[in-house]
C-alpha atoms as a PDB file:
ATOM      1  CA  MET A   1      54.030 100.945  57.133  1.00  0.00           C
ATOM      2  CA  LEU A   2      52.938 101.970  60.376  1.00  0.00           C
ATOM      3  CA  ARG A   3      53.510 105.626  61.629  1.00  0.00           C
ATOM      4  CA  ALA A   4      53.802 105.434  65.614  1.00  0.00           C
ATOM      5  CA  ALA A   5      53.993 108.591  67.163  1.00  0.00           C
ATOM      6  CA  ILE A   6      55.108 109.144  71.003  1.00  0.00           C
ATOM      7  CA  VAL A   7      53.287 111.953  73.732  1.00  0.00           C
ATOM      8  CA  GLY A   8      55.689 112.209  76.247  1.00  0.00           C
ATOM      9  CA  SER A   9      59.738 112.427  76.173  1.00  0.00           C
ATOM     10  CA  GLY A  10      60.197 111.217  79.328  1.00  0.00           C
ATOM     11  CA  PHE A  11      61.535 108.050  81.054  1.00  0.00           C
ATOM     12  CA  MET A  12      58.681 106.277  79.647  1.00  0.00           C
ATOM     13  CA  GLY A  13      58.224 107.894  76.585  1.00  0.00           C
ATOM     14  CA  LYS A  14      61.980 107.850  75.391  1.00  0.00           C
ATOM     15  CA  SER A  15      61.807 103.315  76.141  1.00  0.00           C
ATOM     16  CA  HIS A  16      58.989 103.857  73.872  1.00  0.00           C
ATOM     17  CA  ALA A  17      60.729 105.578  71.019  1.00  0.00           C
ATOM     18  CA  GLN A  18      63.364 103.530  71.036  1.00  0.00           C
ATOM     19  CA  ALA A  19      61.811 100.095  71.072  1.00  0.00           C
ATOM     20  CA  TYR A  20      59.487 101.564  67.961  1.00  0.00           C
ATOM     21  CA  ALA A  21      62.877 102.610  66.426  1.00  0.00           C
ATOM     22  CA  ALA A  22      64.417  99.856  66.187  1.00  0.00           C
ATOM     23  CA  LEU A  23      60.696  97.228  65.056  1.00  0.00           C
ATOM     24  CA  GLU A  24      60.790  96.326  61.969  1.00  0.00           C
ATOM     25  CA  GLY A  25      58.030  97.630  59.900  1.00  0.00           C
ATOM     26  CA  VAL A  26      57.092 101.088  62.700  1.00  0.00           C
ATOM     27  CA  GLU A  27      58.518 104.176  61.691  1.00  0.00           C
ATOM     28  CA  LEU A  28      58.215 106.531  64.994  1.00  0.00           C
ATOM     29  CA  ALA A  29      56.871 109.196  62.591  1.00  0.00           C
ATOM     30  CA  ALA A  30      56.986 112.016  66.136  1.00  0.00           C
ATOM     31  CA  ILE A  31      58.080 113.063  69.608  1.00  0.00           C
ATOM     32  CA  ILE A  32      54.956 114.898  70.990  1.00  0.00           C
ATOM     33  CA  ASN A  33      55.764 117.608  73.414  1.00  0.00           C
ATOM     34  CA  PRO A  34      54.531 120.928  74.199  1.00  0.00           C
ATOM     35  CA  ASN A  35      57.608 121.370  75.780  1.00  0.00           C
ATOM     36  CA  PRO A  36      60.971 120.863  73.708  1.00  0.00           C
ATOM     37  CA  LYS A  37      63.577 120.001  76.049  1.00  0.00           C
ATOM     38  CA  ASN A  38      63.480 116.716  76.660  1.00  0.00           C
ATOM     39  CA  ALA A  39      61.417 116.188  73.401  1.00  0.00           C
ATOM     40  CA  ALA A  40      63.695 118.059  70.570  1.00  0.00           C
ATOM     41  CA  PRO A  41      66.246 116.753  71.517  1.00  0.00           C
ATOM     42  CA  LEU A  42      64.925 112.673  71.751  1.00  0.00           C
ATOM     43  CA  ALA A  43      63.336 113.395  67.921  1.00  0.00           C
ATOM     44  CA  ARG A  44      67.561 114.632  66.763  1.00  0.00           C
ATOM     45  CA  GLU A  45      68.079 111.465  68.299  1.00  0.00           C
ATOM     46  CA  LEU A  46      65.702 109.158  66.796  1.00  0.00           C
ATOM     47  CA  GLY A  47      65.426 110.783  63.333  1.00  0.00           C
ATOM     48  CA  CYS A  48      61.596 112.089  63.487  1.00  0.00           C
ATOM     49  CA  GLY A  49      60.273 114.971  63.864  1.00  0.00           C
ATOM     50  CA  TYR A  50      59.366 117.549  67.117  1.00  0.00           C
ATOM     51  CA  PHE A  51      55.756 118.212  66.883  1.00  0.00           C
ATOM     52  CA  PRO A  52      54.383 119.813  70.372  1.00  0.00           C
ATOM     53  CA  THR A  53      50.799 118.715  69.397  1.00  0.00           C
ATOM     54  CA  LEU A  54      49.550 115.855  68.328  1.00  0.00           C
ATOM     55  CA  GLN A  55      47.720 118.349  65.894  1.00  0.00           C
ATOM     56  CA  ASP A  56      50.783 119.669  64.779  1.00  0.00           C
ATOM     57  CA  ALA A  57      52.098 115.538  63.705  1.00  0.00           C
ATOM     58  CA  LEU A  58      49.003 115.179  61.995  1.00  0.00           C
ATOM     59  CA  LYS A  59      49.404 117.617  59.466  1.00  0.00           C
ATOM     60  CA  GLU A  60      53.117 116.568  58.262  1.00  0.00           C
ATOM     61  CA  GLY A  61      50.933 113.167  57.538  1.00  0.00           C
ATOM     62  CA  PRO A  62      48.938 110.170  59.057  1.00  0.00           C
ATOM     63  CA  ILE A  63      50.139 108.575  62.517  1.00  0.00           C
ATOM     64  CA  ASP A  64      48.588 104.764  62.906  1.00  0.00           C
ATOM     65  CA  ILE A  65      49.794 104.388  66.586  1.00  0.00           C
ATOM     66  CA  VAL A  66      50.230 106.585  69.088  1.00  0.00           C
ATOM     67  CA  SER A  67      51.687 106.250  72.729  1.00  0.00           C
ATOM     68  CA  VAL A  68      51.094 108.180  75.508  1.00  0.00           C
ATOM     69  CA  CYS A  69      53.993 108.281  78.454  1.00  0.00           C
ATOM     70  CA  THR A  70      52.913 111.045  79.780  1.00  0.00           C
ATOM     71  CA  PRO A  71      51.744 111.528  83.585  1.00  0.00           C
ATOM     72  CA  THR A  72      48.723 109.920  84.359  1.00  0.00           C
ATOM     73  CA  HIS A  73      46.959 112.717  84.760  1.00  0.00           C
ATOM     74  CA  LEU A  74      46.642 113.672  81.539  1.00  0.00           C
ATOM     75  CA  HIS A  75      45.817 109.925  80.192  1.00  0.00           C
ATOM     76  CA  GLU A  76      42.351 110.409  79.425  1.00  0.00           C
ATOM     77  CA  GLN A  77      42.229 113.670  77.682  1.00  0.00           C
ATOM     78  CA  ASN A  78      45.481 111.798  75.702  1.00  0.00           C
ATOM     79  CA  VAL A  79      44.241 108.952  74.447  1.00  0.00           C
ATOM     80  CA  ILE A  80      40.603 110.127  73.710  1.00  0.00           C
ATOM     81  CA  GLU A  81      42.160 112.850  71.405  1.00  0.00           C
ATOM     82  CA  ALA A  82      44.175 110.304  69.391  1.00  0.00           C
ATOM     83  CA  ALA A  83      41.535 108.212  69.585  1.00  0.00           C
ATOM     84  CA  GLN A  84      39.287 111.157  68.301  1.00  0.00           C
ATOM     85  CA  ALA A  85      41.989 110.730  65.152  1.00  0.00           C
ATOM     86  CA  LYS A  86      41.492 107.366  64.470  1.00  0.00           C
ATOM     87  CA  CYS A  87      45.045 106.816  66.329  1.00  0.00           C
ATOM     88  CA  HIS A  88      45.711 103.075  67.456  1.00  0.00           C
ATOM     89  CA  VAL A  89      46.211 104.008  71.195  1.00  0.00           C
ATOM     90  CA  LEU A  90      48.784 102.272  73.901  1.00  0.00           C
ATOM     91  CA  CYS A  91      48.268 104.186  77.043  1.00  0.00           C
ATOM     92  CA  GLU A  92      50.624 103.650  79.558  1.00  0.00           C
ATOM     93  CA  LYS A  93      50.247 102.710  83.285  1.00  0.00           C
ATOM     94  CA  PRO A  94      48.828 104.023  85.054  1.00  0.00           C
ATOM     95  CA  VAL A  95      45.889 103.728  82.767  1.00  0.00           C
ATOM     96  CA  THR A  96      44.543 106.301  85.472  1.00  0.00           C
ATOM     97  CA  PHE A  97      43.067 107.180  88.318  1.00  0.00           C
ATOM     98  CA  THR A  98      38.801 106.280  87.914  1.00  0.00           C
ATOM     99  CA  LEU A  99      37.045 103.551  86.702  1.00  0.00           C
ATOM    100  CA  GLU A 100      34.963 106.239  85.419  1.00  0.00           C
ATOM    101  CA  SER A 101      37.773 107.943  83.469  1.00  0.00           C
ATOM    102  CA  PHE A 102      38.591 104.470  82.267  1.00  0.00           C
ATOM    103  CA  ASP A 103      35.569 103.420  80.443  1.00  0.00           C
ATOM    104  CA  ARG A 104      35.784 107.370  78.928  1.00  0.00           C
ATOM    105  CA  MET A 105      38.608 106.207  77.129  1.00  0.00           C
ATOM    106  CA  VAL A 106      37.280 102.867  76.352  1.00  0.00           C
ATOM    107  CA  LYS A 107      34.411 104.113  74.897  1.00  0.00           C
ATOM    108  CA  ALA A 108      36.145 106.935  72.045  1.00  0.00           C
ATOM    109  CA  CYS A 109      38.108 104.083  71.315  1.00  0.00           C
ATOM    110  CA  GLU A 110      35.759 101.999  70.805  1.00  0.00           C
ATOM    111  CA  ASP A 111      33.535 104.507  68.896  1.00  0.00           C
ATOM    112  CA  ASN A 112      36.079 105.561  67.093  1.00  0.00           C
ATOM    113  CA  GLY A 113      37.253 101.903  65.642  1.00  0.00           C
ATOM    114  CA  VAL A 114      41.083 101.988  66.920  1.00  0.00           C
ATOM    115  CA  LYS A 115      42.416  99.653  69.292  1.00  0.00           C
ATOM    116  CA  PHE A 116      43.296 100.868  73.161  1.00  0.00           C
ATOM    117  CA  MET A 117      45.693  98.837  75.057  1.00  0.00           C
ATOM    118  CA  VAL A 118      47.961  99.644  78.323  1.00  0.00           C
ATOM    119  CA  GLY A 119      51.003  99.399  78.040  1.00  0.00           C
ATOM    120  CA  GLN A 120      51.537  97.031  81.612  1.00  0.00           C
ATOM    121  CA  VAL A 121      55.642  95.608  80.487  1.00  0.00           C
ATOM    122  CA  ALA A 122      56.338  93.795  83.435  1.00  0.00           C
ATOM    123  CA  ARG A 123      54.651  90.844  81.626  1.00  0.00           C
ATOM    124  CA  TRP A 124      57.059  90.727  79.567  1.00  0.00           C
ATOM    125  CA  TRP A 125      59.798  91.205  81.756  1.00  0.00           C
ATOM    126  CA  PRO A 126      61.682  87.981  80.819  1.00  0.00           C
ATOM    127  CA  GLU A 127      61.193  86.053  84.400  1.00  0.00           C
ATOM    128  CA  PHE A 128      57.830  86.933  84.793  1.00  0.00           C
ATOM    129  CA  ILE A 129      56.795  85.273  81.286  1.00  0.00           C
ATOM    130  CA  ASP A 130      58.297  81.906  82.772  1.00  0.00           C
ATOM    131  CA  ILE A 131      56.935  82.731  86.385  1.00  0.00           C
ATOM    132  CA  ALA A 132      53.537  82.750  84.987  1.00  0.00           C
ATOM    133  CA  SER A 133      53.958  79.597  82.895  1.00  0.00           C
ATOM    134  CA  ARG A 134      55.209  77.203  85.629  1.00  0.00           C
ATOM    135  CA  LEU A 135      52.156  79.160  88.018  1.00  0.00           C
ATOM    136  CA  LYS A 136      49.595  78.179  85.188  1.00  0.00           C
ATOM    137  CA  ASN A 137      51.116  74.788  84.643  1.00  0.00           C
ATOM    138  CA  GLU A 138      50.795  74.318  88.055  1.00  0.00           C
ATOM    139  CA  ASP A 139      54.486  73.381  88.447  1.00  0.00           C
ATOM    140  CA  LEU A 140      54.934  74.362  92.388  1.00  0.00           C
ATOM    141  CA  GLY A 141      51.607  72.481  93.416  1.00  0.00           C
ATOM    142  CA  ARG A 142      49.032  73.497  95.662  1.00  0.00           C
ATOM    143  CA  ILE A 143      50.152  77.087  96.057  1.00  0.00           C
ATOM    144  CA  HIS A 144      50.810  77.564 100.012  1.00  0.00           C
ATOM    145  CA  MET A 145      51.478  81.741  99.343  1.00  0.00           C
ATOM    146  CA  ILE A 146      53.019  83.887  97.187  1.00  0.00           C
ATOM    147  CA  TYR A 147      55.104  87.459  97.852  1.00  0.00           C
ATOM    148  CA  GLU A 148      55.834  90.011  95.435  1.00  0.00           C
ATOM    149  CA  LYS A 149      58.322  93.509  95.857  1.00  0.00           C
ATOM    150  CA  ARG A 150      58.975  96.403  94.309  1.00  0.00           C
ATOM    151  CA  LEU A 151      61.088  99.036  95.615  1.00  0.00           C
ATOM    152  CA  CYS A 152      63.267 101.889  94.184  1.00  0.00           C
ATOM    153  CA  GLN A 153      63.754 105.379  95.618  1.00  0.00           C
ATOM    154  CA  LEU A 154      61.507 108.727  94.609  1.00  0.00           C
ATOM    155  CA  PRO A 155      62.131 108.556  90.729  1.00  0.00           C
ATOM    156  CA  THR A 156      64.271 111.426  89.952  1.00  0.00           C
ATOM    157  CA  TRP A 157      63.381 111.772  86.076  1.00  0.00           C
ATOM    158  CA  THR A 158      59.935 113.757  87.201  1.00  0.00           C
ATOM    159  CA  VAL A 159      58.714 116.538  90.550  1.00  0.00           C
ATOM    160  CA  TRP A 160      55.233 114.466  89.997  1.00  0.00           C
ATOM    161  CA  HIS A 161      55.316 111.844  91.876  1.00  0.00           C
ATOM    162  CA  ARG A 162      53.961 111.992  95.313  1.00  0.00           C
ATOM    163  CA  ASP A 163      51.033 114.167  94.403  1.00  0.00           C
ATOM    164  CA  PRO A 164      47.862 112.173  94.432  1.00  0.00           C
ATOM    165  CA  LEU A 165      45.848 113.977  92.116  1.00  0.00           C
ATOM    166  CA  LYS A 166      48.824 113.904  89.302  1.00  0.00           C
ATOM    167  CA  SER A 167      50.696 110.429  89.816  1.00  0.00           C
ATOM    168  CA  GLY A 168      48.357 108.373  92.737  1.00  0.00           C
ATOM    169  CA  GLY A 169      52.540 107.610  94.420  1.00  0.00           C
ATOM    170  CA  GLY A 170      53.045 103.911  94.596  1.00  0.00           C
ATOM    171  CA  LEU A 171      49.451 102.445  94.437  1.00  0.00           C
ATOM    172  CA  TYR A 172      49.187 103.266  91.123  1.00  0.00           C
ATOM    173  CA  ASP A 173      52.400 103.757  89.925  1.00  0.00           C
ATOM    174  CA  LEU A 174      54.488 100.962  90.645  1.00  0.00           C
ATOM    175  CA  ASN A 175      52.248  98.527  93.123  1.00  0.00           C
ATOM    176  CA  ILE A 176      49.880  98.001  89.973  1.00  0.00           C
ATOM    177  CA  HIS A 177      52.495  95.577  88.109  1.00  0.00           C
ATOM    178  CA  ASP A 178      52.483  92.970  90.253  1.00  0.00           C
ATOM    179  CA  ILE A 179      48.909  93.325  90.558  1.00  0.00           C
ATOM    180  CA  ASP A 180      48.244  93.241  87.505  1.00  0.00           C
ATOM    181  CA  PHE A 181      50.875  90.598  86.699  1.00  0.00           C
ATOM    182  CA  LEU A 182      48.667  88.238  89.309  1.00  0.00           C
ATOM    183  CA  VAL A 183      45.549  89.354  87.854  1.00  0.00           C
ATOM    184  CA  SER A 184      46.778  88.086  84.679  1.00  0.00           C
ATOM    185  CA  VAL A 185      47.403  84.172  86.060  1.00  0.00           C
ATOM    186  CA  TYR A 186      44.249  83.931  88.593  1.00  0.00           C
ATOM    187  CA  GLY A 187      41.933  86.560  87.596  1.00  0.00           C
ATOM    188  CA  ARG A 188      39.332  88.627  90.013  1.00  0.00           C
ATOM    189  CA  PRO A 189      40.782  87.720  93.466  1.00  0.00           C
ATOM    190  CA  GLU A 190      38.057  87.894  96.540  1.00  0.00           C
ATOM    191  CA  SER A 191      39.332  90.436  98.458  1.00  0.00           C
ATOM    192  CA  VAL A 192      42.168  92.445  99.778  1.00  0.00           C
ATOM    193  CA  PHE A 193      43.071  93.691 102.819  1.00  0.00           C
ATOM    194  CA  ALA A 194      46.145  96.585 102.614  1.00  0.00           C
ATOM    195  CA  THR A 195      48.456  98.779 104.822  1.00  0.00           C
ATOM    196  CA  GLY A 196      50.896 101.912 104.653  1.00  0.00           C
ATOM    197  CA  HIS A 197      52.292 105.041 104.226  1.00  0.00           C
ATOM    198  CA  LYS A 198      50.767 107.492 102.702  1.00  0.00           C
ATOM    199  CA  ALA A 199      53.137 111.016 101.930  1.00  0.00           C
ATOM    200  CA  GLU A 200      52.496 114.442 103.339  1.00  0.00           C
ATOM    201  CA  GLU A 201      51.655 115.042  99.770  1.00  0.00           C
ATOM    202  CA  GLY A 202      48.617 112.933  99.652  1.00  0.00           C
ATOM    203  CA  ALA A 203      49.278 110.055  98.264  1.00  0.00           C
ATOM    204  CA  TRP A 204      50.438 106.171  99.249  1.00  0.00           C
ATOM    205  CA  MET A 205      54.054 106.402  98.874  1.00  0.00           C
ATOM    206  CA  TYR A 206      54.562 102.114 100.375  1.00  0.00           C
ATOM    207  CA  VAL A 207      51.730  99.509 100.509  1.00  0.00           C
ATOM    208  CA  VAL A 208      51.934  96.666 101.878  1.00  0.00           C
ATOM    209  CA  THR A 209      48.896  94.564  99.810  1.00  0.00           C
ATOM    210  CA  ASN A 210      47.351  91.192 101.217  1.00  0.00           C
ATOM    211  CA  LEU A 211      44.956  89.553  97.933  1.00  0.00           C
ATOM    212  CA  ARG A 212      43.517  85.892  98.319  1.00  0.00           C
ATOM    213  CA  TRP A 213      41.423  84.058  95.166  1.00  0.00           C
ATOM    214  CA  PRO A 214      37.798  82.018  95.672  1.00  0.00           C
ATOM    215  CA  GLY A 215      40.286  78.653  95.300  1.00  0.00           C
ATOM    216  CA  GLY A 216      42.898  79.218  98.199  1.00  0.00           C
ATOM    217  CA  VAL A 217      45.933  81.055  96.472  1.00  0.00           C
ATOM    218  CA  LYS A 218      46.804  84.068  98.982  1.00  0.00           C
ATOM    219  CA  ALA A 219      49.658  86.701  97.556  1.00  0.00           C
ATOM    220  CA  THR A 220      51.278  90.036  99.167  1.00  0.00           C
ATOM    221  CA  VAL A 221      52.751  92.310  97.293  1.00  0.00           C
ATOM    222  CA  GLU A 222      55.159  95.126  99.025  1.00  0.00           C
ATOM    223  CA  THR A 223      55.464  97.838  96.695  1.00  0.00           C
ATOM    224  CA  CYS A 224      57.482 101.673  97.745  1.00  0.00           C
ATOM    225  CA  LEU A 225      58.160 104.371  95.434  1.00  0.00           C
ATOM    226  CA  GLU A 226      59.765 106.685  97.587  1.00  0.00           C
ATOM    227  CA  MET A 227      62.735 104.571 100.271  1.00  0.00           C
ATOM    228  CA  PRO A 228      65.013 106.161 101.910  1.00  0.00           C
ATOM    229  CA  GLY A 229      68.761 106.384 101.440  1.00  0.00           C
ATOM    230  CA  PRO A 230      71.114 104.678  98.514  1.00  0.00           C
ATOM    231  CA  TRP A 231      68.039 101.629  97.734  1.00  0.00           C
ATOM    232  CA  PRO A 232      68.413 100.158  94.844  1.00  0.00           C
ATOM    233  CA  PHE A 233      65.896  99.960  92.897  1.00  0.00           C
ATOM    234  CA  SER A 234      64.820  95.752  93.690  1.00  0.00           C
ATOM    235  CA  ILE A 235      62.284  93.148  92.317  1.00  0.00           C
ATOM    236  CA  GLU A 236      60.910  89.766  94.146  1.00  0.00           C
ATOM    237  CA  PHE A 237      58.824  86.971  93.597  1.00  0.00           C
ATOM    238  CA  ARG A 238      58.549  83.952  95.791  1.00  0.00           C
ATOM    239  CA  GLY A 239      55.857  81.424  95.102  1.00  0.00           C
ATOM    240  CA  ALA A 240      56.789  77.963  97.552  1.00  0.00           C
ATOM    241  CA  GLY A 241      54.339  75.703  96.696  1.00  0.00           C
ATOM    242  CA  ASP A 242      53.498  71.659  97.693  1.00  0.00           C
ATOM    243  CA  LYS A 243      55.959  71.191  95.033  1.00  0.00           C
ATOM    244  CA  GLY A 244      59.077  73.299  96.319  1.00  0.00           C
ATOM    245  CA  THR A 245      59.713  76.837  96.286  1.00  0.00           C
ATOM    246  CA  LEU A 246      60.317  79.530  93.180  1.00  0.00           C
ATOM    247  CA  HIS A 247      62.182  82.085  93.707  1.00  0.00           C
ATOM    248  CA  TYR A 248      63.853  85.721  91.363  1.00  0.00           C
ATOM    249  CA  ASN A 249      65.518  88.261  92.944  1.00  0.00           C
ATOM    250  CA  LEU A 250      66.530  91.576  91.269  1.00  0.00           C
ATOM    251  CA  GLN A 251      68.896  94.027  92.145  1.00  0.00           C
ATOM    252  CA  ALA A 252      69.478  97.294  89.835  1.00  0.00           C
ATOM    253  CA  GLY A 253      70.906 100.494  90.251  1.00  0.00           C
ATOM    254  CA  VAL A 254      68.841 104.050  91.547  1.00  0.00           C
ATOM    255  CA  ASN A 255      66.461 102.921  88.770  1.00  0.00           C
ATOM    256  CA  ILE A 256      65.351  99.707  86.687  1.00  0.00           C
ATOM    257  CA  LYS A 257      68.446 100.500  83.620  1.00  0.00           C
ATOM    258  CA  ASP A 258      71.207 102.201  86.374  1.00  0.00           C
ATOM    259  CA  GLY A 259      74.301 100.641  86.499  1.00  0.00           C
ATOM    260  CA  GLU A 260      75.300  97.020  86.950  1.00  0.00           C
ATOM    261  CA  GLN A 261      71.529  94.553  87.429  1.00  0.00           C
ATOM    262  CA  ASN A 262      72.405  91.001  90.517  1.00  0.00           C
ATOM    263  CA  SER A 263      69.325  88.904  89.512  1.00  0.00           C
ATOM    264  CA  ASN A 264      68.925  85.409  90.229  1.00  0.00           C
ATOM    265  CA  TYR A 265      66.135  82.686  89.283  1.00  0.00           C
ATOM    266  CA  THR A 266      65.248  79.316  91.264  1.00  0.00           C
ATOM    267  CA  TRP A 267      63.813  76.348  91.837  1.00  0.00           C
ATOM    268  CA  TYR A 268      64.171  74.603  95.339  1.00  0.00           C
ATOM    269  CA  PRO A 269      62.237  71.628  95.048  1.00  0.00           C
ATOM    270  CA  ALA A 270      60.627  69.625  97.837  1.00  0.00           C
ATOM    271  CA  GLY A 271      62.684  66.636  98.988  1.00  0.00           C
ATOM    272  CA  ALA A 272      65.237  67.992  97.097  1.00  0.00           C
ATOM    273  CA  GLN A 273      68.843  68.336  98.475  1.00  0.00           C
ATOM    274  CA  GLU A 274      70.550  70.982  96.034  1.00  0.00           C
ATOM    275  CA  PRO A 275      68.493  73.773  94.439  1.00  0.00           C
ATOM    276  CA  GLU A 276      67.997  74.332  90.468  1.00  0.00           C
ATOM    277  CA  ALA A 277      69.773  77.018  88.863  1.00  0.00           C
ATOM    278  CA  LEU A 278      66.969  78.825  86.370  1.00  0.00           C
ATOM    279  CA  ASP A 279      68.074  80.560  82.955  1.00  0.00           C
ATOM    280  CA  VAL A 280      64.945  82.509  80.621  1.00  0.00           C
ATOM    281  CA  PRO A 281      67.123  83.758  77.388  1.00  0.00           C
ATOM    282  CA  GLN A 282      66.468  87.905  78.159  1.00  0.00           C
ATOM    283  CA  THR A 283      64.779  89.805  75.662  1.00  0.00           C
ATOM    284  CA  ASP A 284      63.550  93.541  75.803  1.00  0.00           C
ATOM    285  CA  MET A 285      60.692  94.041  77.639  1.00  0.00           C
ATOM    286  CA  PHE A 286      59.542  97.166  75.432  1.00  0.00           C
ATOM    287  CA  ALA A 287      60.444  95.863  72.302  1.00  0.00           C
ATOM    288  CA  ALA A 288      58.442  93.124  73.400  1.00  0.00           C
ATOM    289  CA  GLN A 289      55.580  94.116  74.392  1.00  0.00           C
ATOM    290  CA  LEU A 290      55.097  96.315  71.453  1.00  0.00           C
ATOM    291  CA  SER A 291      56.030  94.345  69.193  1.00  0.00           C
ATOM    292  CA  GLU A 292      52.511  92.651  70.055  1.00  0.00           C
ATOM    293  CA  PHE A 293      50.275  95.329  69.755  1.00  0.00           C
ATOM    294  CA  VAL A 294      51.533  96.768  66.857  1.00  0.00           C
ATOM    295  CA  ASN A 295      50.911  92.996  65.788  1.00  0.00           C
ATOM    296  CA  ALA A 296      47.225  92.957  66.674  1.00  0.00           C
ATOM    297  CA  VAL A 297      47.089  96.196  64.584  1.00  0.00           C
ATOM    298  CA  LYS A 298      48.322  94.872  61.449  1.00  0.00           C
ATOM    299  CA  ASN A 299      46.466  92.015  61.875  1.00  0.00           C
ATOM    300  CA  ASP A 300      43.166  93.448  63.914  1.00  0.00           C
ATOM    301  CA  SER A 301      42.981  90.478  66.400  1.00  0.00           C
ATOM    302  CA  GLN A 302      42.856  91.345  70.383  1.00  0.00           C
ATOM    303  CA  PRO A 303      45.765  93.108  72.042  1.00  0.00           C
ATOM    304  CA  PRO A 304      47.361  91.293  74.727  1.00  0.00           C
ATOM    305  CA  VAL A 305      46.758  93.132  77.195  1.00  0.00           C
ATOM    306  CA  THR A 306      42.933  93.116  76.723  1.00  0.00           C
ATOM    307  CA  LEU A 307      41.004  95.934  78.705  1.00  0.00           C
ATOM    308  CA  ALA A 308      38.545  93.528  80.276  1.00  0.00           C
ATOM    309  CA  GLU A 309      41.791  93.104  83.075  1.00  0.00           C
ATOM    310  CA  SER A 310      42.633  96.053  82.579  1.00  0.00           C
ATOM    311  CA  ARG A 311      39.568  97.322  84.193  1.00  0.00           C
ATOM    312  CA  LEU A 312      39.579  94.366  86.833  1.00  0.00           C
ATOM    313  CA  VAL A 313      43.553  95.657  87.456  1.00  0.00           C
ATOM    314  CA  LEU A 314      41.863  98.853  88.385  1.00  0.00           C
ATOM    315  CA  GLU A 315      39.324  97.889  90.754  1.00  0.00           C
ATOM    316  CA  VAL A 316      41.686  95.986  92.801  1.00  0.00           C
ATOM    317  CA  ILE A 317      44.192  99.219  93.230  1.00  0.00           C
ATOM    318  CA  LEU A 318      40.231 101.441  93.940  1.00  0.00           C
ATOM    319  CA  ALA A 319      40.021  98.499  96.478  1.00  0.00           C
ATOM    320  CA  THR A 320      43.046  98.956  97.921  1.00  0.00           C
ATOM    321  CA  LEU A 321      43.214 102.399  98.444  1.00  0.00           C
ATOM    322  CA  ARG A 322      39.781 101.893 100.090  1.00  0.00           C
ATOM    323  CA  SER A 323      41.611  98.905 102.320  1.00  0.00           C
ATOM    324  CA  LEU A 324      44.458 101.236 102.893  1.00  0.00           C
ATOM    325  CA  GLU A 325      42.332 105.164 103.696  1.00  0.00           C
ATOM    326  CA  GLU A 326      39.452 103.075 105.790  1.00  0.00           C
ATOM    327  CA  GLY A 327      40.819  99.986 107.146  1.00  0.00           C
ATOM    328  CA  GLY A 328      39.946  96.124 106.874  1.00  0.00           C
ATOM    329  CA  ILE A 329      39.435  94.045 104.444  1.00  0.00           C
ATOM    330  CA  VAL A 330      37.658  94.583 101.492  1.00  0.00           C
ATOM    331  CA  THR A 331      35.954  92.200  99.429  1.00  0.00           C
ATOM    332  CA  LEU A 332      35.416  93.067  95.475  1.00  0.00           C
END
């Protein structure tokens, strides 16, 4: 039985805690947060211990896995502390702001012989699993264009998302999902060009990113973490190729788990008169992600999101930031 702890008790911390609590072969041992306001009630709800620090939790017994679900600017210290305590670490995205910081986190985990993975949960979104398979199998033929969007209101559960020193805004916090997905399918892009809107606090909240790959694939990713008005959390994928168009669209409530979700997933074959509605079995993406990381720990195998991929995604985000700040195309 592996024992898991969550550092952080906000929206993501709660999602991880609930997923661990439902996994076989895992005991949710601790919710960790210096502030007990959210953490203590969550620990009582899920029947585990509440502790102000990881060191306090370790006094009550060994911990095998730590999920880091704190604001981004705290990730490096949280990951290194967990690694030095010989805990395997899953860190929420965005993992950090700089390559130097990421490399320090990787080195700490390597030096202490523990596994380290960045939580890119959108890879386990049921429709995106199917989309990735179709793209890799070239079911769309030669790709003409890919478009992705991820738009939402400013999150209601925090006050730090506009702060570039704590969150990085929409560029780091939301854009990174679709960049990671595209990198997982096509690898390193050759160039990026971006435009957007910067909040007064200095974070890029609205970003439109154009990417190109050596093989000719092109993609546009539209991201906003601060849509004005009562905008629903919305996601879209559209891929057009020689063999047809693949389209996925979802609308939820203010947040992804709020309210009724309306979605459609459709294949439009080239030359056909009628589209084909696609039905994908629905699974919990957090449970699926954590289950695969747990299995990697149990089997001493490679975690599904590699550190090379996560570093490359951070490189693309930094290139996007450079394009936003300086203008022009940035070559990777």
